[in-house]
Amino acid sequence: MPRVRRSRAIPATPEQVWRTVCDPHHLPRWWPRVQRVEAVAGERFTEVLTTDKGRSVRADFRVVESSAPQVRRWTQDVEGSPFERLLRSAETEVRLAPDDEGGTRVTLTIRQRLRGLGVFGGFLVRRATRKQADDALDALARLHGR
């Protein structure tokens, strides 16, 4: 099961960062490949992602934990989606903690359970997921002043 954890200090308070990470409408500003977010209803939302070839792909998500301003965790609904042939499950967690500099330590953890032949490419998935997490943290740092 590929699991990636990346962390970065952001020069903003946990409450400021929380306003960005807790609102699905902000995902296009900081999460890689998200073109737009649709169908935000309660704890559910849909991301419209852009592929390397420029096509759009929809991905549905459900928030499973949200405790302001410490943790936000969501899972992807993979069953019946284009991702079903590759993934059994996918979960993203964002943890925020005050740091010693007056900012926020943001930790992203992405857990994926692969399906079928994808299991053999776990190291490739892990590498791509590390890049995705690093890009998300870079974008959060840019949004919040670094």
Protein backbone atom coordinates (compact mmCIF):
# COMPACT_ATOMS: atom_id res chain seq x y z
CA MET A 1 0.00 0.00 0.00
CA PRO A 2 1.77 3.16 -1.13
CA ARG A 3 1.75 5.80 1.58
CA VAL A 4 3.40 9.16 1.23
CA ARG A 5 3.89 11.70 4.00
CA ARG A 6 5.35 15.13 3.29
CA SER A 7 5.61 18.12 5.58
CA ARG A 8 6.43 21.80 5.26
CA ALA A 9 6.40 24.96 7.35
CA ILE A 10 4.02 27.63 6.03
CA PRO A 11 4.36 31.25 7.28
CA ALA A 12 0.70 31.63 8.26
CA THR A 13 -1.38 30.71 11.27
CA PRO A 14 -3.18 27.34 11.37
CA GLU A 15 -6.49 29.21 11.11
CA GLN A 16 -5.38 30.98 7.91
CA VAL A 17 -4.17 27.74 6.31
CA TRP A 18 -7.31 25.95 7.52
CA ARG A 19 -9.54 28.35 5.58
CA THR A 20 -7.77 27.20 2.41
CA VAL A 21 -7.61 23.45 3.06
CA CYS A 22 -11.11 23.01 4.49
CA ASP A 23 -12.95 24.55 1.53
CA PRO A 24 -13.12 22.28 -1.54
CA HIS A 25 -13.64 25.35 -3.76
CA HIS A 26 -10.02 26.33 -2.97
CA LEU A 27 -8.56 23.04 -4.27
CA PRO A 28 -7.85 24.41 -7.79
CA ARG A 29 -5.61 27.03 -6.13
CA TRP A 30 -3.35 24.49 -4.41
CA TRP A 31 -3.98 20.86 -5.35
CA PRO A 32 -2.19 19.68 -8.51
CA ARG A 33 -4.24 18.96 -11.62
CA VAL A 34 -7.53 20.19 -10.17
CA GLN A 35 -9.13 22.34 -12.82
CA ARG A 36 -12.32 23.05 -10.87
CA VAL A 37 -14.53 21.66 -8.11
CA GLU A 38 -18.21 20.88 -8.63
CA ALA A 39 -21.14 19.42 -6.73
CA VAL A 40 -20.04 20.53 -3.27
CA ALA A 41 -22.80 19.23 -1.02
CA GLY A 42 -22.29 18.59 2.67
CA GLU A 43 -19.23 16.38 2.99
CA ARG A 44 -19.08 15.43 -0.71
CA PHE A 45 -17.40 17.14 -3.65
CA THR A 46 -16.23 16.40 -7.19
CA GLU A 47 -12.87 17.42 -8.62
CA VAL A 48 -12.48 17.92 -12.35
CA LEU A 49 -8.87 16.97 -13.05
CA THR A 50 -6.77 17.58 -16.14
CA THR A 51 -4.72 14.67 -17.52
CA ASP A 52 -1.28 14.96 -19.16
CA LYS A 53 -3.08 14.81 -22.52
CA GLY A 54 -5.39 17.70 -21.61
CA ARG A 55 -8.54 15.66 -21.05
CA SER A 56 -10.84 16.21 -18.09
CA VAL A 57 -11.56 13.42 -15.62
CA ARG A 58 -14.04 13.61 -12.75
CA ALA A 59 -13.21 12.25 -9.29
CA ASP A 60 -15.70 12.12 -6.42
CA PHE A 61 -14.66 12.53 -2.79
CA ARG A 62 -16.14 12.37 0.69
CA VAL A 63 -14.80 14.14 3.78
CA VAL A 64 -14.43 11.56 6.56
CA GLU A 65 -12.81 13.72 9.24
CA SER A 66 -12.71 17.44 9.83
CA SER A 67 -11.55 19.03 13.06
CA ALA A 68 -10.75 22.73 12.76
CA PRO A 69 -7.96 23.79 12.54
CA GLN A 70 -6.05 20.53 12.98
CA VAL A 71 -7.08 17.81 10.53
CA ARG A 72 -9.03 17.34 7.31
CA ARG A 73 -9.25 13.88 5.74
CA TRP A 74 -11.10 12.80 2.61
CA THR A 75 -11.48 9.59 0.63
CA GLN A 76 -12.00 9.08 -3.08
CA ASP A 77 -15.02 7.13 -4.30
CA VAL A 78 -13.19 4.80 -6.68
CA GLU A 79 -15.92 2.21 -7.30
CA GLY A 80 -17.52 2.78 -10.69
CA SER A 81 -14.98 5.46 -11.62
CA PRO A 82 -12.13 5.49 -14.17
CA PHE A 83 -9.78 5.03 -11.19
CA GLU A 84 -11.35 1.70 -10.19
CA ARG A 85 -9.04 -0.40 -12.34
CA LEU A 86 -5.97 1.06 -10.60
CA LEU A 87 -7.10 1.76 -7.04
CA ARG A 88 -8.95 -0.10 -4.31
CA SER A 89 -8.95 3.01 -2.14
CA ALA A 90 -7.36 6.45 -1.85
CA GLU A 91 -7.28 8.73 1.17
CA THR A 92 -5.76 12.17 1.71
CA GLU A 93 -5.11 13.75 5.09
CA VAL A 94 -3.98 17.29 5.88
CA ARG A 95 -2.70 17.95 9.43
CA LEU A 96 -1.94 21.43 10.70
CA ALA A 97 0.07 22.27 13.81
CA PRO A 98 1.54 25.54 15.07
CA ASP A 99 5.30 25.70 14.65
CA ASP A 100 7.94 27.50 16.73
CA GLU A 101 8.20 30.36 14.22
CA GLY A 102 4.56 31.44 14.56
CA GLY A 103 3.53 29.67 11.37
CA THR A 104 2.06 26.27 10.62
CA ARG A 105 3.57 22.85 10.05
CA VAL A 106 1.44 21.28 7.28
CA THR A 107 1.69 17.51 6.88
CA LEU A 108 0.08 15.77 3.92
CA THR A 109 -0.43 12.02 4.07
CA ILE A 110 -1.72 10.19 1.02
CA ARG A 111 -2.60 6.49 1.32
CA GLN A 112 -3.49 4.38 -1.70
CA ARG A 113 -4.38 0.70 -2.00
CA LEU A 114 -3.61 -0.47 -5.52
CA ARG A 115 -5.59 -2.98 -7.54
CA GLY A 116 -4.56 -5.60 -10.09
CA LEU A 117 -1.30 -5.11 -11.94
CA GLY A 118 -0.97 -1.67 -10.36
CA VAL A 119 0.34 -3.45 -7.26
CA PHE A 120 3.59 -4.16 -9.12
CA GLY A 121 4.07 -0.48 -9.92
CA GLY A 122 3.85 0.67 -6.32
CA PHE A 123 7.23 2.41 -6.43
CA LEU A 124 6.12 4.44 -9.47
CA VAL A 125 2.86 5.38 -7.79
CA ARG A 126 4.76 6.40 -4.64
CA ARG A 127 7.12 8.61 -6.65
CA ALA A 128 4.23 10.33 -8.48
CA THR A 129 2.35 10.76 -5.20
CA ARG A 130 5.42 12.34 -3.54
CA LYS A 131 5.57 14.86 -6.39
CA GLN A 132 1.87 15.57 -6.06
CA ALA A 133 2.20 16.20 -2.30
CA ASP A 134 5.29 18.39 -2.77
CA ASP A 135 3.53 20.43 -5.47
CA ALA A 136 0.50 20.89 -3.19
CA LEU A 137 2.71 22.08 -0.33
CA ASP A 138 4.58 24.44 -2.67
CA ALA A 139 1.28 25.96 -3.79
CA LEU A 140 0.06 26.35 -0.19
CA ALA A 141 3.33 28.11 0.67
CA ARG A 142 2.88 30.49 -2.30
CA LEU A 143 -0.71 31.22 -1.31
CA HIS A 144 0.30 31.99 2.24
CA GLY A 145 3.27 34.21 1.65
CA ARG A 146 6.35 32.18 0.83
